[in-house]
Each structure stands twice: as C-alpha cells, then as structure tokens.
Amino acid sequence: MILTPSKAFVLPENHENDVRFQGYGFHMKQILENNVYHITFPLTRTREVVQKKDERASQATLRSLEHILKPHSVAVIGASNRAGTIGQLVFQSMVQSGFKGVVYPISPSNDAIMSVKAYRSVLSVPGRG
C-alpha cells in the first residue's frame, strides 16, 4: 500500500485496509482500476474525524487501565483477623464481594486470615512478579 496525503492504492488482497480508513471517519471514494483499488479521501478534520479520534483515544485509555480496573489478583497489605480493623474489613469485602480473582492476604504476624494462607510480604506471594 502506498499512502499519499489523500490517496491510497490498495491491492485487492489488502482490501481490509479500507475498513481501517473508514474507521478514521474519512469519507472515501474507491475505484478498482487495473486490479488496484484507488482510494481517495479528504484529510480535513471534520466533526466525524475528530469524534472517531476521540473514541480511539478513549478506548486506548480504557485498555491501558484494564489491569487496574479488572485485576486477576489482589494483595491486601495489612490484612487482619481483628474485627473492625481496616485490614480485616478490606480483606473480608474482597473475599465476599464475588471478586473472581485470587485475594492474597499480606500480614507479617498471621499465618492465615479468615482461613486463607497469609504471606509475610508481597515478595513471598507465589506467581508472576
């Protein structure tokens, strides 16, 4: 594919690139000539082009935050068996909330929190680090 400021030449086997150009909000014209698609589109910043750009930026931001917003595991530092403490409330909430991942209690002074094996430090949690 050769790309100039407002024209692209696309072989039929690469025709899926048309969808990519359309995804940017440009109004395209296509002509098949000598087994090559000649595609022209204006590069003006129309409302649709700006909207598509903003949508792509928003989707990229959400994808970049996915590990934070949808974690596979969580370590609760300061997890505790003592009722009413922040560590106990946070750990209990994570376990009972329906979180689908693994919850690791981190407690330097307990072997288990709510019958779940506790770890002295996040460095001792098994798995990827």
Protein backbone atom coordinates (compact mmCIF):
# COMPACT_ATOMS: atom_id res chain seq x y z
CA MET A 1 0.00 0.00 0.00
CA ILE A 2 1.27 3.46 -0.90
CA LEU A 3 -0.19 6.36 1.07
CA THR A 4 -0.13 10.00 -0.01
CA PRO A 5 -1.86 12.85 1.83
CA SER A 6 -5.28 11.96 0.43
CA LYS A 7 -4.87 8.91 -1.78
CA ALA A 8 -4.15 5.23 -1.25
CA PHE A 9 -3.52 2.42 -3.71
CA VAL A 10 -4.59 -0.92 -2.30
CA LEU A 11 -4.30 -4.38 -3.81
CA PRO A 12 -7.48 -6.48 -3.65
CA GLU A 13 -5.89 -8.90 -1.18
CA ASN A 14 -5.31 -5.98 1.20
CA HIS A 15 -8.81 -4.61 0.78
CA GLU A 16 -9.46 -4.90 4.56
CA ASN A 17 -7.36 -1.71 4.87
CA ASP A 18 -10.42 0.13 3.53
CA VAL A 19 -12.18 -0.61 6.79
CA ARG A 20 -9.23 0.88 8.67
CA PHE A 21 -9.51 4.13 6.70
CA GLN A 22 -13.28 4.23 7.19
CA GLY A 23 -12.73 3.73 10.91
CA TYR A 24 -10.98 7.09 10.98
CA GLY A 25 -14.17 8.82 9.81
CA PHE A 26 -12.92 9.84 6.36
CA HIS A 27 -15.41 9.81 3.50
CA MET A 28 -13.79 7.54 0.94
CA LYS A 29 -14.22 7.06 -2.79
CA GLN A 30 -13.00 3.78 -4.30
CA ILE A 31 -12.34 2.82 -7.91
CA LEU A 32 -10.98 -0.56 -9.00
CA GLU A 33 -8.57 0.07 -11.86
CA ASN A 34 -6.02 -2.42 -13.26
CA ASN A 35 -6.65 -4.75 -10.30
CA VAL A 36 -5.72 -1.99 -7.81
CA TYR A 37 -8.17 -0.06 -5.65
CA HIS A 38 -7.63 3.69 -5.99
CA ILE A 39 -8.97 5.22 -2.81
CA THR A 40 -9.27 8.95 -2.25
CA PHE A 41 -10.36 10.70 0.90
CA PRO A 42 -10.10 14.25 2.19
CA LEU A 43 -7.86 14.74 5.21
CA THR A 44 -9.94 17.54 6.65
CA ARG A 45 -10.73 17.49 10.35
CA THR A 46 -14.47 17.05 10.06
CA ARG A 47 -16.63 16.58 13.15
CA GLU A 48 -16.78 12.85 12.40
CA VAL A 49 -12.98 12.56 12.10
CA VAL A 50 -12.49 14.35 15.42
CA GLN A 51 -15.17 12.19 17.07
CA LYS A 52 -13.53 8.97 15.80
CA LYS A 53 -10.14 10.19 17.04
CA ASP A 54 -11.61 10.89 20.47
CA GLU A 55 -13.30 7.46 20.54
CA ARG A 56 -9.99 5.72 19.71
CA ALA A 57 -8.19 7.71 22.43
CA SER A 58 -10.88 6.81 24.97
CA GLN A 59 -10.74 3.11 24.06
CA ALA A 60 -6.95 3.12 24.31
CA THR A 61 -7.15 4.72 27.75
CA LEU A 62 -9.63 2.10 28.95
CA ARG A 63 -7.45 -0.73 27.59
CA SER A 64 -4.42 0.70 29.36
CA LEU A 65 -6.32 0.76 32.67
CA GLU A 66 -7.80 -2.73 32.30
CA HIS A 67 -5.17 -4.35 34.55
CA ILE A 68 -6.05 -1.92 37.31
CA LEU A 69 -9.82 -1.96 36.82
CA LYS A 70 -10.10 -5.72 36.18
CA PRO A 71 -7.23 -7.38 38.07
CA HIS A 72 -6.69 -11.16 38.13
CA SER A 73 -5.38 -11.00 41.68
CA VAL A 74 -5.18 -8.55 44.57
CA ALA A 75 -2.85 -8.41 47.57
CA VAL A 76 -4.40 -6.88 50.68
CA ILE A 77 -1.48 -5.45 52.61
CA GLY A 78 -2.26 -5.27 56.30
CA ALA A 79 -4.96 -7.96 56.20
CA SER A 80 -6.04 -8.82 59.73
CA ASN A 81 -8.19 -11.20 61.77
CA ARG A 82 -9.05 -8.45 64.25
CA ALA A 83 -12.69 -7.45 63.80
CA GLY A 84 -13.33 -3.85 62.86
CA THR A 85 -9.84 -3.08 61.57
CA ILE A 86 -9.36 -1.67 58.10
CA GLY A 87 -7.24 -4.71 57.12
CA GLN A 88 -9.97 -7.11 58.22
CA LEU A 89 -12.77 -5.13 56.52
CA VAL A 90 -10.92 -4.76 53.21
CA PHE A 91 -9.91 -8.43 53.07
CA GLN A 92 -13.39 -9.65 54.07
CA SER A 93 -15.02 -7.35 51.49
CA MET A 94 -12.73 -8.61 48.72
CA VAL A 95 -13.42 -12.26 49.55
CA GLN A 96 -17.17 -11.86 49.99
CA SER A 97 -17.83 -9.41 47.14
CA GLY A 98 -17.71 -12.03 44.41
CA PHE A 99 -14.30 -10.95 43.08
CA LYS A 100 -13.34 -13.65 40.57
CA GLY A 101 -9.58 -13.40 41.07
CA VAL A 102 -7.25 -14.52 43.83
CA VAL A 103 -7.03 -12.43 47.01
CA TYR A 104 -3.71 -12.68 48.86
CA PRO A 105 -3.70 -11.53 52.49
CA ILE A 106 -0.41 -9.88 53.42
CA SER A 107 0.25 -9.99 57.16
CA PRO A 108 3.67 -10.21 58.80
CA SER A 109 2.15 -11.52 62.06
CA ASN A 110 -0.50 -14.05 60.91
CA ASP A 111 -0.23 -17.42 59.18
CA ALA A 112 -3.83 -17.19 57.93
CA ILE A 113 -6.55 -14.56 57.57
CA MET A 114 -10.13 -15.89 57.60
CA SER A 115 -8.71 -19.39 56.96
CA VAL A 116 -6.76 -18.17 53.90
CA LYS A 117 -2.98 -18.66 53.89
CA ALA A 118 -1.33 -15.32 54.63
CA TYR A 119 2.02 -14.12 53.30
CA ARG A 120 4.59 -12.14 55.25
CA SER A 121 5.27 -9.83 52.28
CA VAL A 122 4.12 -9.29 48.70
CA LEU A 123 7.52 -10.65 47.71
CA SER A 124 6.54 -14.06 49.09
CA VAL A 125 3.28 -14.30 47.09
CA PRO A 126 3.60 -17.10 44.50
CA GLY A 127 3.29 -16.41 40.78
CA ARG A 128 4.41 -13.65 38.47
CA GLY A 129 6.25 -10.73 39.96
